[in-house]
Amino acid sequence: MPRWSLTRNLILVFIATLHIYSDCKTYTTLPIKYHFLQKVELSPYKKVYHVGDTIRFGFTETAKMIFDTVTNSYVKADSLGYTIHANLDRMDTFKITAQDPGYFFTSNDGFTFVQTPTDKEFGVTWFDTKVTACGTGPDLHYSAAITPRHTGIYSLDFPPTVRTFNCYNSSIFPADIDYLFNLQDCNEDLLNGIRSSYVNPGNIDDYANPAVKKKVFYFKVE
C-alpha cells in the first residue's frame, strides 16, 4: 500500500475542512424569511365613542409565539424587536378655527403624538411604540391607550412593520409583520355619505376594503 506523505495529508485535510466550512457558511447565511401575522385586540369595542373615553388596543403573545404565514405555524420569536407605528386619521372635514383642537387624541401611556396638521381640512395623528421580546417577561406584550379630544369620524391602523431586529445583538431579523384587528366588524359603514377632501366619495371602496379585511378600524366620536 502506498504511503502518503505527511505534507500531502495535511493539504488534503485543509482542503476538506475549507470545503465543509464553505458549505456550512453558505447554509447558515441563507435568508430565513418570516412573515408574521399579528392580531390586535381593542377595548372597549364600539362603533361610537365620546370625547374623554379611553380606547385601548394591543396584544399578548403567550411564550412569545407568533404566527408565521410562510410556514403556517407559530414561531418562537424571543429575540424579536421592532417598532409599532399607530396611525389615526380624521376621515371627515372639520373647520379650522382659532380654537383648533391641535391634537385630536392624547395618549394615556406617555407617548408623544405628532402634531395634527392645521393647513388641511383633515388631521393625521400618529405615534411609535417600541416592542421587544428580550428580557421583558415570558410573553410578548403591547398595549397602548388613547383619549379622543374632538368629535368626528376616525380610522386606526398599523402600517406593516418591514424592519425587525434581534434585540440581543441588534442584527437585522429576517421578518416583517402585518397587523389585523381581531374584531367582528371594523365599521366600514361609517364611510357611507362622508364628504371630505380626504375621502373622495368615488374612492370609498379604497377605504372600505381594508376594513373588510380587518386592517383598518373606523370609529365615530361624539
N, C-alpha and C. Protein backbone atom coordinates (compact mmCIF):
# COMPACT_ATOMS: atom_id res chain seq x y z
N MET A 1 0.86 -1.19 0.00
CA MET A 1 0.00 0.00 0.00
C MET A 1 0.89 1.24 0.00
N PRO A 2 0.65 2.15 -0.91
CA PRO A 2 1.49 3.33 -0.97
C PRO A 2 1.31 4.20 0.24
N ARG A 3 2.37 4.83 0.69
CA ARG A 3 2.34 5.69 1.86
C ARG A 3 2.27 7.13 1.40
N TRP A 4 1.26 7.87 1.96
CA TRP A 4 1.09 9.29 1.64
C TRP A 4 2.01 10.11 2.53
N SER A 5 2.56 11.11 1.97
CA SER A 5 3.44 11.97 2.75
C SER A 5 2.60 12.78 3.73
N LEU A 6 3.21 13.17 4.83
CA LEU A 6 2.53 13.97 5.85
C LEU A 6 2.07 15.30 5.28
N THR A 7 2.90 15.91 4.44
CA THR A 7 2.54 17.21 3.87
C THR A 7 1.29 17.08 3.00
N ARG A 8 1.24 16.03 2.18
CA ARG A 8 0.09 15.86 1.31
C ARG A 8 -1.17 15.59 2.11
N ASN A 9 -1.05 14.79 3.19
CA ASN A 9 -2.19 14.54 4.06
C ASN A 9 -2.73 15.83 4.66
N LEU A 10 -1.81 16.66 5.12
CA LEU A 10 -2.23 17.92 5.74
C LEU A 10 -2.93 18.81 4.73
N ILE A 11 -2.44 18.83 3.50
CA ILE A 11 -3.07 19.67 2.46
C ILE A 11 -4.48 19.17 2.18
N LEU A 12 -4.66 17.84 2.07
CA LEU A 12 -5.99 17.30 1.79
C LEU A 12 -6.95 17.58 2.94
N VAL A 13 -6.47 17.45 4.18
CA VAL A 13 -7.31 17.74 5.34
C VAL A 13 -7.73 19.21 5.33
N PHE A 14 -6.78 20.08 5.01
CA PHE A 14 -7.08 21.52 4.96
C PHE A 14 -8.13 21.83 3.90
N ILE A 15 -7.98 21.22 2.69
CA ILE A 15 -8.94 21.45 1.61
C ILE A 15 -10.32 20.94 2.01
N ALA A 16 -10.38 19.75 2.62
CA ALA A 16 -11.66 19.19 3.04
C ALA A 16 -12.32 20.06 4.09
N THR A 17 -11.53 20.53 5.05
CA THR A 17 -12.07 21.41 6.10
C THR A 17 -12.60 22.69 5.51
N LEU A 18 -11.85 23.27 4.57
CA LEU A 18 -12.26 24.51 3.92
C LEU A 18 -13.57 24.30 3.16
N HIS A 19 -13.70 23.17 2.51
CA HIS A 19 -14.92 22.87 1.75
C HIS A 19 -16.12 22.73 2.68
N ILE A 20 -15.93 22.03 3.80
CA ILE A 20 -17.02 21.86 4.76
C ILE A 20 -17.43 23.21 5.34
N TYR A 21 -16.45 24.02 5.71
CA TYR A 21 -16.73 25.34 6.27
C TYR A 21 -17.48 26.21 5.28
N SER A 22 -17.07 26.11 4.01
CA SER A 22 -17.74 26.90 2.97
C SER A 22 -19.19 26.49 2.83
N ASP A 23 -19.45 25.18 2.87
CA ASP A 23 -20.84 24.69 2.77
C ASP A 23 -21.66 25.15 3.95
N CYS A 24 -21.08 25.07 5.15
CA CYS A 24 -21.80 25.48 6.35
C CYS A 24 -22.11 26.97 6.31
N LYS A 25 -21.14 27.76 5.88
CA LYS A 25 -21.32 29.20 5.83
C LYS A 25 -22.41 29.56 4.83
N THR A 26 -22.40 28.87 3.68
CA THR A 26 -23.44 29.14 2.68
C THR A 26 -24.81 28.80 3.23
N TYR A 27 -24.90 27.70 3.98
CA TYR A 27 -26.18 27.27 4.52
C TYR A 27 -26.68 28.24 5.59
N THR A 28 -25.78 28.64 6.51
CA THR A 28 -26.22 29.46 7.63
C THR A 28 -26.51 30.89 7.23
N THR A 29 -26.00 31.35 6.09
CA THR A 29 -26.27 32.72 5.70
C THR A 29 -27.46 32.85 4.76
N LEU A 30 -28.09 31.72 4.42
CA LEU A 30 -29.29 31.80 3.59
C LEU A 30 -30.39 32.52 4.37
N PRO A 31 -31.08 33.49 3.76
CA PRO A 31 -32.11 34.23 4.48
C PRO A 31 -33.29 33.33 4.83
N ILE A 32 -33.70 33.38 6.09
CA ILE A 32 -34.89 32.67 6.54
C ILE A 32 -35.98 33.71 6.68
N LYS A 33 -36.88 33.78 5.73
CA LYS A 33 -37.87 34.84 5.66
C LYS A 33 -39.13 34.47 6.43
N TYR A 34 -39.45 35.28 7.43
CA TYR A 34 -40.69 35.13 8.17
C TYR A 34 -41.66 36.23 7.77
N HIS A 35 -42.92 35.90 7.73
CA HIS A 35 -43.97 36.89 7.51
C HIS A 35 -44.99 36.69 8.63
N PHE A 36 -44.84 37.48 9.68
CA PHE A 36 -45.70 37.31 10.84
C PHE A 36 -47.04 38.00 10.64
N LEU A 37 -48.08 37.40 11.18
CA LEU A 37 -49.42 37.98 11.16
C LEU A 37 -49.82 38.22 12.61
N GLN A 38 -49.95 39.50 12.97
CA GLN A 38 -50.24 39.86 14.35
C GLN A 38 -51.68 40.36 14.49
N LYS A 39 -52.48 39.70 15.31
CA LYS A 39 -53.84 40.14 15.56
C LYS A 39 -53.87 41.10 16.75
N VAL A 40 -54.61 42.20 16.57
CA VAL A 40 -54.66 43.26 17.58
C VAL A 40 -56.06 43.29 18.19
N GLU A 41 -56.12 43.31 19.51
CA GLU A 41 -57.38 43.44 20.24
C GLU A 41 -57.66 44.93 20.51
N LEU A 42 -58.94 45.26 20.72
CA LEU A 42 -59.32 46.64 21.02
C LEU A 42 -60.43 46.61 22.06
N SER A 43 -60.31 47.51 23.06
CA SER A 43 -61.29 47.53 24.14
C SER A 43 -61.49 48.96 24.66
N PRO A 44 -62.74 49.36 24.91
CA PRO A 44 -63.96 48.64 24.59
C PRO A 44 -64.23 48.69 23.09
N TYR A 45 -64.86 47.65 22.59
CA TYR A 45 -65.15 47.55 21.16
C TYR A 45 -66.49 48.22 20.89
N LYS A 46 -66.47 49.38 20.23
CA LYS A 46 -67.67 50.14 19.93
C LYS A 46 -67.59 50.73 18.53
N LYS A 47 -68.73 51.19 18.05
CA LYS A 47 -68.75 51.97 16.82
C LYS A 47 -68.69 53.45 17.15
N VAL A 48 -69.30 53.86 18.28
CA VAL A 48 -69.39 55.26 18.66
C VAL A 48 -68.80 55.44 20.06
N TYR A 49 -67.82 56.33 20.19
CA TYR A 49 -67.22 56.70 21.46
C TYR A 49 -67.58 58.16 21.75
N HIS A 50 -67.17 58.63 22.93
CA HIS A 50 -67.41 60.01 23.30
C HIS A 50 -66.09 60.68 23.66
N VAL A 51 -66.05 61.98 23.53
CA VAL A 51 -64.87 62.74 23.94
C VAL A 51 -64.56 62.42 25.40
N GLY A 52 -63.31 62.07 25.67
CA GLY A 52 -62.91 61.72 27.03
C GLY A 52 -62.90 60.24 27.31
N ASP A 53 -63.45 59.41 26.41
CA ASP A 53 -63.39 57.96 26.58
C ASP A 53 -61.95 57.46 26.45
N THR A 54 -61.70 56.27 26.96
CA THR A 54 -60.40 55.62 26.80
C THR A 54 -60.57 54.44 25.84
N ILE A 55 -59.74 54.42 24.81
CA ILE A 55 -59.73 53.33 23.84
C ILE A 55 -58.37 52.66 23.94
N ARG A 56 -58.37 51.40 24.30
CA ARG A 56 -57.10 50.67 24.47
C ARG A 56 -56.98 49.58 23.41
N PHE A 57 -55.76 49.42 22.89
CA PHE A 57 -55.53 48.37 21.90
C PHE A 57 -54.17 47.74 22.15
N GLY A 58 -54.02 46.50 21.71
CA GLY A 58 -52.75 45.81 21.92
C GLY A 58 -52.90 44.31 21.74
N PHE A 59 -51.91 43.58 22.23
CA PHE A 59 -51.92 42.12 22.12
C PHE A 59 -50.96 41.53 23.13
N THR A 60 -51.14 40.26 23.42
CA THR A 60 -50.21 39.48 24.24
C THR A 60 -50.01 38.14 23.56
N GLU A 61 -48.76 37.83 23.23
CA GLU A 61 -48.44 36.54 22.62
C GLU A 61 -47.76 35.66 23.67
N THR A 62 -48.50 34.67 24.14
CA THR A 62 -48.01 33.79 25.19
C THR A 62 -46.76 33.04 24.72
N ALA A 63 -45.76 33.03 25.57
CA ALA A 63 -44.48 32.36 25.29
C ALA A 63 -43.81 32.94 24.05
N LYS A 64 -44.24 34.15 23.64
CA LYS A 64 -43.62 34.85 22.50
C LYS A 64 -43.70 34.02 21.21
N MET A 65 -44.79 33.31 21.06
CA MET A 65 -45.03 32.54 19.84
C MET A 65 -45.86 33.38 18.88
N ILE A 66 -45.35 33.65 17.68
CA ILE A 66 -46.02 34.49 16.70
C ILE A 66 -46.31 33.67 15.45
N PHE A 67 -47.50 33.87 14.88
CA PHE A 67 -47.91 33.08 13.72
C PHE A 67 -47.17 33.54 12.47
N ASP A 68 -46.56 32.58 11.78
CA ASP A 68 -45.80 32.84 10.57
C ASP A 68 -46.58 32.30 9.37
N THR A 69 -46.92 33.18 8.41
CA THR A 69 -47.72 32.77 7.26
C THR A 69 -46.91 32.00 6.22
N VAL A 70 -45.58 32.02 6.33
CA VAL A 70 -44.75 31.27 5.39
C VAL A 70 -44.83 29.77 5.70
N THR A 71 -44.72 29.44 6.98
CA THR A 71 -44.77 28.04 7.40
C THR A 71 -46.15 27.63 7.91
N ASN A 72 -47.07 28.62 8.04
CA ASN A 72 -48.39 28.38 8.60
C ASN A 72 -48.31 27.73 9.97
N SER A 73 -47.42 28.25 10.76
CA SER A 73 -47.24 27.73 12.11
C SER A 73 -46.76 28.85 13.03
N TYR A 74 -46.81 28.58 14.33
CA TYR A 74 -46.31 29.55 15.29
C TYR A 74 -44.81 29.39 15.46
N VAL A 75 -44.13 30.52 15.50
CA VAL A 75 -42.67 30.53 15.58
C VAL A 75 -42.25 31.24 16.87
N LYS A 76 -41.30 30.67 17.56
CA LYS A 76 -40.75 31.30 18.75
C LYS A 76 -39.94 32.52 18.33
N ALA A 77 -40.30 33.68 18.86
CA ALA A 77 -39.64 34.93 18.46
C ALA A 77 -39.15 35.66 19.71
N ASP A 78 -38.34 34.96 20.50
CA ASP A 78 -37.91 35.55 21.76
C ASP A 78 -36.76 36.53 21.61
N SER A 79 -36.26 36.74 20.38
CA SER A 79 -35.21 37.74 20.17
C SER A 79 -35.70 38.89 19.31
N LEU A 80 -37.02 38.97 19.10
CA LEU A 80 -37.59 39.94 18.17
C LEU A 80 -37.70 41.32 18.81
N GLY A 81 -37.33 42.34 18.04
CA GLY A 81 -37.53 43.72 18.45
C GLY A 81 -37.99 44.54 17.26
N TYR A 82 -38.94 45.45 17.47
CA TYR A 82 -39.46 46.24 16.36
C TYR A 82 -40.24 47.43 16.91
N THR A 83 -40.67 48.30 16.01
CA THR A 83 -41.44 49.48 16.38
C THR A 83 -42.81 49.41 15.73
N ILE A 84 -43.86 49.59 16.54
CA ILE A 84 -45.22 49.63 16.02
C ILE A 84 -45.60 51.09 15.77
N HIS A 85 -46.10 51.35 14.59
CA HIS A 85 -46.50 52.69 14.18
C HIS A 85 -48.02 52.74 14.17
N ALA A 86 -48.62 53.42 15.15
CA ALA A 86 -50.07 53.57 15.21
C ALA A 86 -50.48 54.84 14.46
N ASN A 87 -51.43 54.68 13.56
CA ASN A 87 -51.83 55.78 12.69
C ASN A 87 -53.32 56.09 12.89
N LEU A 88 -53.64 57.34 13.21
CA LEU A 88 -55.02 57.77 13.41
C LEU A 88 -55.32 58.90 12.44
N ASP A 89 -56.32 58.70 11.58
CA ASP A 89 -56.67 59.70 10.57
C ASP A 89 -58.07 60.24 10.82
N ARG A 90 -58.21 61.53 10.63
CA ARG A 90 -59.53 62.15 10.64
C ARG A 90 -60.14 61.97 9.26
N MET A 91 -61.33 61.35 9.17
CA MET A 91 -61.89 60.98 7.89
C MET A 91 -62.88 62.01 7.36
N ASP A 92 -63.51 62.79 8.23
CA ASP A 92 -64.46 63.80 7.78
C ASP A 92 -63.87 65.19 7.99
N THR A 93 -64.42 66.17 7.31
CA THR A 93 -63.86 67.52 7.38
C THR A 93 -64.18 68.19 8.70
N PHE A 94 -63.34 69.13 9.08
CA PHE A 94 -63.63 69.96 10.23
C PHE A 94 -63.17 71.38 9.91
N LYS A 95 -63.76 72.33 10.54
CA LYS A 95 -63.46 73.73 10.27
C LYS A 95 -62.36 74.21 11.20
N ILE A 96 -61.28 74.69 10.59
CA ILE A 96 -60.15 75.17 11.37
C ILE A 96 -60.48 76.56 11.92
N THR A 97 -60.38 76.72 13.22
CA THR A 97 -60.66 78.00 13.87
C THR A 97 -59.53 78.33 14.83
N ALA A 98 -59.67 79.45 15.49
CA ALA A 98 -58.66 79.83 16.48
C ALA A 98 -58.63 78.84 17.63
N GLN A 99 -59.74 78.12 17.82
CA GLN A 99 -59.80 77.09 18.86
C GLN A 99 -59.52 75.71 18.26
N ASP A 100 -58.62 75.67 17.31
CA ASP A 100 -58.27 74.42 16.66
C ASP A 100 -57.90 73.38 17.71
N PRO A 101 -58.36 72.12 17.56
CA PRO A 101 -58.11 71.12 18.59
C PRO A 101 -56.64 70.75 18.76
N GLY A 102 -55.78 71.11 17.78
CA GLY A 102 -54.37 70.72 17.90
C GLY A 102 -54.25 69.23 17.76
N TYR A 103 -54.16 68.53 18.88
CA TYR A 103 -54.19 67.07 18.84
C TYR A 103 -55.64 66.62 18.88
N PHE A 104 -55.96 65.63 18.03
CA PHE A 104 -57.28 65.02 18.12
C PHE A 104 -57.33 63.98 19.23
N PHE A 105 -56.16 63.49 19.64
CA PHE A 105 -56.10 62.47 20.68
C PHE A 105 -54.96 62.79 21.64
N THR A 106 -55.09 62.33 22.85
CA THR A 106 -53.98 62.31 23.79
C THR A 106 -53.72 60.86 24.15
N SER A 107 -52.52 60.60 24.61
CA SER A 107 -52.12 59.25 24.96
C SER A 107 -52.17 59.05 26.46
N ASN A 108 -52.64 57.90 26.88
CA ASN A 108 -52.70 57.56 28.29
C ASN A 108 -51.42 56.89 28.78
N ASP A 109 -50.47 56.70 27.87
CA ASP A 109 -49.28 55.93 28.20
C ASP A 109 -47.99 56.73 28.08
N GLY A 110 -48.12 58.05 27.98
CA GLY A 110 -46.93 58.88 27.94
C GLY A 110 -46.26 58.99 26.60
N PHE A 111 -46.88 58.49 25.54
CA PHE A 111 -46.29 58.60 24.21
C PHE A 111 -46.49 60.01 23.66
N THR A 112 -45.56 60.47 22.89
CA THR A 112 -45.66 61.79 22.29
C THR A 112 -46.28 61.66 20.90
N PHE A 113 -47.39 62.34 20.70
CA PHE A 113 -48.06 62.31 19.41
C PHE A 113 -47.46 63.36 18.48
N VAL A 114 -47.44 63.03 17.21
CA VAL A 114 -47.03 64.01 16.21
C VAL A 114 -48.17 65.01 16.03
N GLN A 115 -47.81 66.29 15.91
CA GLN A 115 -48.83 67.33 15.82
C GLN A 115 -49.74 67.14 14.62
N THR A 116 -51.02 67.32 14.84
CA THR A 116 -52.00 67.24 13.77
C THR A 116 -51.82 68.40 12.80
N PRO A 117 -51.79 68.16 11.49
CA PRO A 117 -51.67 69.25 10.54
C PRO A 117 -52.83 70.24 10.67
N THR A 118 -52.55 71.53 10.50
CA THR A 118 -53.59 72.55 10.60
C THR A 118 -53.79 73.28 9.29
N ASP A 119 -53.10 72.83 8.24
CA ASP A 119 -53.23 73.50 6.95
C ASP A 119 -54.15 72.74 6.01
N LYS A 120 -54.83 71.72 6.52
CA LYS A 120 -55.74 70.94 5.69
C LYS A 120 -57.05 70.76 6.45
N GLU A 121 -58.04 70.21 5.77
CA GLU A 121 -59.33 70.00 6.39
C GLU A 121 -59.44 68.67 7.10
N PHE A 122 -58.36 67.97 7.20
CA PHE A 122 -58.36 66.71 7.93
C PHE A 122 -57.12 66.67 8.79
N GLY A 123 -57.05 65.72 9.68
CA GLY A 123 -55.89 65.63 10.56
C GLY A 123 -55.34 64.23 10.62
N VAL A 124 -54.06 64.14 10.84
CA VAL A 124 -53.39 62.85 10.99
C VAL A 124 -52.61 62.89 12.29
N THR A 125 -52.79 61.88 13.10
CA THR A 125 -52.08 61.78 14.36
C THR A 125 -51.43 60.40 14.42
N TRP A 126 -50.19 60.33 14.81
CA TRP A 126 -49.55 59.02 14.90
C TRP A 126 -48.48 59.02 15.97
N PHE A 127 -48.12 57.84 16.42
CA PHE A 127 -47.04 57.71 17.40
C PHE A 127 -46.42 56.34 17.26
N ASP A 128 -45.18 56.23 17.68
CA ASP A 128 -44.42 54.99 17.58
C ASP A 128 -44.21 54.38 18.97
N THR A 129 -44.26 53.07 19.02
CA THR A 129 -44.03 52.34 20.27
C THR A 129 -43.05 51.21 20.01
N LYS A 130 -41.98 51.15 20.76
CA LYS A 130 -41.01 50.07 20.61
C LYS A 130 -41.49 48.84 21.37
N VAL A 131 -41.39 47.70 20.70
CA VAL A 131 -41.76 46.42 21.29
C VAL A 131 -40.55 45.51 21.23
N THR A 132 -40.27 44.84 22.33
CA THR A 132 -39.13 43.94 22.36
C THR A 132 -39.48 42.67 23.11
N ALA A 133 -38.98 41.54 22.64
CA ALA A 133 -39.21 40.26 23.29
C ALA A 133 -38.07 39.87 24.21
N CYS A 134 -37.02 40.66 24.24
CA CYS A 134 -35.82 40.31 25.02
C CYS A 134 -35.93 40.85 26.44
N GLY A 135 -35.88 39.93 27.40
CA GLY A 135 -35.83 40.34 28.79
C GLY A 135 -37.07 41.07 29.27
N THR A 136 -38.24 40.79 28.69
CA THR A 136 -39.44 41.51 29.09
C THR A 136 -40.49 40.58 29.67
N GLY A 137 -40.06 39.48 30.25
CA GLY A 137 -41.02 38.55 30.82
C GLY A 137 -41.34 37.41 29.87
N PRO A 138 -42.25 36.53 30.28
CA PRO A 138 -42.50 35.31 29.49
C PRO A 138 -43.28 35.53 28.22
N ASP A 139 -43.97 36.67 28.07
CA ASP A 139 -44.83 36.89 26.92
C ASP A 139 -44.39 38.13 26.14
N LEU A 140 -44.81 38.19 24.89
CA LEU A 140 -44.60 39.38 24.06
C LEU A 140 -45.85 40.24 24.19
N HIS A 141 -45.69 41.46 24.67
CA HIS A 141 -46.85 42.26 25.07
C HIS A 141 -46.76 43.67 24.50
N TYR A 142 -47.90 44.14 24.00
CA TYR A 142 -48.02 45.53 23.53
C TYR A 142 -49.37 46.07 23.96
N SER A 143 -49.37 47.27 24.54
CA SER A 143 -50.62 47.87 24.97
C SER A 143 -50.48 49.39 24.91
N ALA A 144 -51.49 50.04 24.35
CA ALA A 144 -51.50 51.50 24.27
C ALA A 144 -52.94 51.97 24.40
N ALA A 145 -53.12 53.18 24.92
CA ALA A 145 -54.46 53.73 25.09
C ALA A 145 -54.48 55.17 24.64
N ILE A 146 -55.62 55.57 24.05
CA ILE A 146 -55.79 56.93 23.57
C ILE A 146 -57.11 57.49 24.11
N THR A 147 -57.17 58.82 24.17
CA THR A 147 -58.39 59.52 24.57
C THR A 147 -58.73 60.54 23.49
N PRO A 148 -59.90 60.40 22.84
CA PRO A 148 -60.28 61.38 21.83
C PRO A 148 -60.62 62.73 22.46
N ARG A 149 -60.20 63.81 21.79
CA ARG A 149 -60.43 65.16 22.29
C ARG A 149 -61.40 65.95 21.43
N HIS A 150 -61.82 65.37 20.30
CA HIS A 150 -62.66 66.12 19.37
C HIS A 150 -63.59 65.16 18.64
N THR A 151 -64.79 65.62 18.37
CA THR A 151 -65.75 64.77 17.66
C THR A 151 -65.31 64.55 16.21
N GLY A 152 -65.86 63.53 15.57
CA GLY A 152 -65.54 63.25 14.18
C GLY A 152 -65.53 61.77 13.90
N ILE A 153 -65.17 61.42 12.68
CA ILE A 153 -65.02 60.03 12.27
C ILE A 153 -63.54 59.78 11.99
N TYR A 154 -63.01 58.71 12.55
CA TYR A 154 -61.57 58.46 12.51
C TYR A 154 -61.29 57.02 12.06
N SER A 155 -60.05 56.81 11.65
CA SER A 155 -59.58 55.46 11.37
C SER A 155 -58.34 55.18 12.21
N LEU A 156 -58.17 53.94 12.58
CA LEU A 156 -56.99 53.48 13.32
C LEU A 156 -56.40 52.30 12.56
N ASP A 157 -55.11 52.36 12.27
CA ASP A 157 -54.47 51.23 11.62
C ASP A 157 -53.00 51.19 12.00
N PHE A 158 -52.37 50.08 11.68
CA PHE A 158 -50.95 49.87 11.96
C PHE A 158 -50.26 49.46 10.67
N PRO A 159 -49.56 50.37 10.01
CA PRO A 159 -48.86 50.01 8.78
C PRO A 159 -47.92 48.83 9.03
N PRO A 160 -47.70 47.98 8.02
CA PRO A 160 -46.84 46.81 8.20
C PRO A 160 -45.44 47.19 8.69
N THR A 161 -44.91 46.35 9.55
CA THR A 161 -43.53 46.51 10.01
C THR A 161 -42.62 45.78 9.02
N VAL A 162 -41.70 46.51 8.42
CA VAL A 162 -40.83 45.91 7.42
C VAL A 162 -39.38 45.86 7.89
N ARG A 163 -39.13 46.25 9.11
CA ARG A 163 -37.77 46.21 9.63
C ARG A 163 -37.81 45.73 11.08
N THR A 164 -37.41 44.51 11.31
CA THR A 164 -37.29 43.97 12.65
C THR A 164 -35.82 43.68 12.93
N PHE A 165 -35.50 43.52 14.21
CA PHE A 165 -34.09 43.27 14.55
C PHE A 165 -34.01 42.32 15.73
N ASN A 166 -32.86 41.72 15.87
CA ASN A 166 -32.56 40.86 17.01
C ASN A 166 -32.18 41.77 18.17
N CYS A 167 -33.01 41.81 19.20
CA CYS A 167 -32.76 42.78 20.28
C CYS A 167 -31.65 42.35 21.23
N TYR A 168 -31.06 41.17 21.03
CA TYR A 168 -29.90 40.79 21.81
C TYR A 168 -28.61 41.36 21.22
N ASN A 169 -28.52 41.35 19.88
CA ASN A 169 -27.27 41.80 19.27
C ASN A 169 -27.47 42.87 18.20
N SER A 170 -28.72 43.35 18.03
CA SER A 170 -29.05 44.45 17.12
C SER A 170 -28.88 44.09 15.64
N SER A 171 -28.69 42.82 15.32
CA SER A 171 -28.62 42.44 13.92
C SER A 171 -30.02 42.43 13.31
N ILE A 172 -30.09 42.52 11.99
CA ILE A 172 -31.39 42.55 11.32
C ILE A 172 -32.04 41.17 11.39
N PHE A 173 -33.29 41.14 11.77
CA PHE A 173 -34.05 39.90 11.88
C PHE A 173 -34.87 39.74 10.60
N PRO A 174 -34.75 38.62 9.89
CA PRO A 174 -35.41 38.47 8.58
C PRO A 174 -36.92 38.23 8.71
N ALA A 175 -37.65 39.29 9.05
CA ALA A 175 -39.09 39.13 9.24
C ALA A 175 -39.80 40.45 9.00
N ASP A 176 -41.04 40.36 8.53
CA ASP A 176 -41.91 41.53 8.52
C ASP A 176 -43.24 41.12 9.15
N ILE A 177 -44.06 42.13 9.49
CA ILE A 177 -45.26 41.88 10.28
C ILE A 177 -46.43 42.64 9.69
N ASP A 178 -47.55 41.95 9.49
CA ASP A 178 -48.82 42.57 9.14
C ASP A 178 -49.74 42.52 10.35
N TYR A 179 -50.59 43.55 10.48
CA TYR A 179 -51.48 43.65 11.63
C TYR A 179 -52.94 43.58 11.18
N LEU A 180 -53.73 42.77 11.88
CA LEU A 180 -55.15 42.67 11.64
C LEU A 180 -55.89 42.83 12.97
N PHE A 181 -57.05 43.49 12.92
CA PHE A 181 -57.86 43.62 14.12
C PHE A 181 -58.65 42.33 14.35
N ASN A 182 -58.59 41.85 15.57
CA ASN A 182 -59.33 40.65 15.95
C ASN A 182 -60.73 41.07 16.43
N LEU A 183 -61.51 41.63 15.47
CA LEU A 183 -62.82 42.18 15.78
C LEU A 183 -63.85 41.61 14.82
N GLN A 184 -65.10 41.60 15.28
CA GLN A 184 -66.17 41.08 14.44
C GLN A 184 -66.43 41.98 13.24
N ASP A 185 -66.34 43.30 13.44
CA ASP A 185 -66.65 44.26 12.39
C ASP A 185 -65.79 45.49 12.60
N CYS A 186 -65.25 46.03 11.52
CA CYS A 186 -64.40 47.22 11.63
C CYS A 186 -65.12 48.50 11.19
N ASN A 187 -66.45 48.44 11.09
CA ASN A 187 -67.30 49.62 10.91
C ASN A 187 -67.06 50.37 9.61
N GLU A 188 -66.90 49.64 8.53
CA GLU A 188 -66.69 50.32 7.24
C GLU A 188 -67.90 51.12 6.80
N ASP A 189 -69.08 50.82 7.39
CA ASP A 189 -70.30 51.55 7.02
C ASP A 189 -70.26 53.01 7.46
N LEU A 190 -69.35 53.36 8.37
CA LEU A 190 -69.23 54.76 8.79
C LEU A 190 -68.75 55.65 7.64
N LEU A 191 -68.18 55.04 6.61
CA LEU A 191 -67.68 55.83 5.48
C LEU A 191 -68.80 56.26 4.54
N ASN A 192 -69.94 55.63 4.65
CA ASN A 192 -71.04 55.96 3.74
C ASN A 192 -71.48 57.41 3.94
N GLY A 193 -71.52 58.16 2.86
CA GLY A 193 -72.01 59.53 2.93
C GLY A 193 -70.99 60.55 3.36
N ILE A 194 -69.77 60.14 3.66
CA ILE A 194 -68.75 61.11 4.05
C ILE A 194 -68.37 61.96 2.85
N ARG A 195 -68.37 63.27 3.05
CA ARG A 195 -67.89 64.19 2.01
C ARG A 195 -66.68 64.91 2.57
N SER A 196 -65.56 64.65 1.98
CA SER A 196 -64.32 65.18 2.52
C SER A 196 -63.30 65.33 1.41
N SER A 197 -62.38 66.26 1.61
CA SER A 197 -61.27 66.40 0.67
C SER A 197 -60.32 65.22 0.81
N TYR A 198 -60.46 64.48 1.89
CA TYR A 198 -59.58 63.34 2.12
C TYR A 198 -60.19 62.06 1.56
N VAL A 199 -61.49 61.85 1.81
CA VAL A 199 -62.16 60.67 1.29
C VAL A 199 -63.08 61.10 0.18
N ASN A 200 -62.66 60.91 -1.05
CA ASN A 200 -63.49 61.20 -2.21
C ASN A 200 -64.59 60.15 -2.29
N PRO A 201 -65.87 60.58 -2.42
CA PRO A 201 -66.95 59.58 -2.46
C PRO A 201 -66.73 58.49 -3.51
N GLY A 202 -66.05 58.81 -4.60
CA GLY A 202 -65.79 57.82 -5.63
C GLY A 202 -64.75 56.80 -5.22
N ASN A 203 -64.02 57.09 -4.14
CA ASN A 203 -62.96 56.19 -3.69
C ASN A 203 -63.28 55.53 -2.36
N ILE A 204 -64.54 55.53 -1.98
CA ILE A 204 -64.92 54.96 -0.70
C ILE A 204 -64.48 53.50 -0.60
N ASP A 205 -64.60 52.76 -1.70
CA ASP A 205 -64.22 51.35 -1.67
C ASP A 205 -62.76 51.17 -1.32
N ASP A 206 -61.92 52.13 -1.72
CA ASP A 206 -60.50 52.03 -1.41
C ASP A 206 -60.26 52.05 0.09
N TYR A 207 -61.17 52.68 0.83
CA TYR A 207 -61.03 52.75 2.28
C TYR A 207 -61.84 51.65 2.97
N ALA A 208 -62.95 51.25 2.35
CA ALA A 208 -63.80 50.23 2.96
C ALA A 208 -63.17 48.85 2.88
N ASN A 209 -62.50 48.54 1.76
CA ASN A 209 -61.93 47.21 1.60
C ASN A 209 -60.93 46.84 2.70
N PRO A 210 -60.02 47.75 3.09
CA PRO A 210 -59.13 47.39 4.21
C PRO A 210 -59.89 47.10 5.50
N ALA A 211 -61.03 47.76 5.70
CA ALA A 211 -61.83 47.49 6.89
C ALA A 211 -62.45 46.11 6.82
N VAL A 212 -62.92 45.74 5.63
CA VAL A 212 -63.48 44.40 5.45
C VAL A 212 -62.42 43.35 5.74
N LYS A 213 -61.19 43.64 5.38
CA LYS A 213 -60.08 42.71 5.62
C LYS A 213 -59.53 42.83 7.04
N LYS A 214 -60.14 43.70 7.86
CA LYS A 214 -59.77 43.90 9.27
C LYS A 214 -58.40 44.58 9.43
N LYS A 215 -57.97 45.32 8.42
CA LYS A 215 -56.70 46.04 8.53
C LYS A 215 -56.87 47.44 9.09
N VAL A 216 -58.09 47.99 9.00
CA VAL A 216 -58.37 49.34 9.48
C VAL A 216 -59.64 49.31 10.31
N PHE A 217 -59.63 50.02 11.43
CA PHE A 217 -60.81 50.13 12.28
C PHE A 217 -61.32 51.57 12.23
N TYR A 218 -62.59 51.73 11.85
CA TYR A 218 -63.22 53.04 11.79
C TYR A 218 -64.11 53.22 13.02
N PHE A 219 -64.14 54.45 13.54
CA PHE A 219 -65.00 54.73 14.70
C PHE A 219 -65.41 56.19 14.70
N LYS A 220 -66.49 56.46 15.40
CA LYS A 220 -67.03 57.81 15.49
C LYS A 220 -66.90 58.32 16.91
N VAL A 221 -66.61 59.60 17.05
CA VAL A 221 -66.52 60.24 18.36
C VAL A 221 -67.58 61.33 18.43
N GLU A 222 -68.41 61.26 19.45
CA GLU A 222 -69.46 62.28 19.64
C GLU A 222 -69.19 63.09 20.90
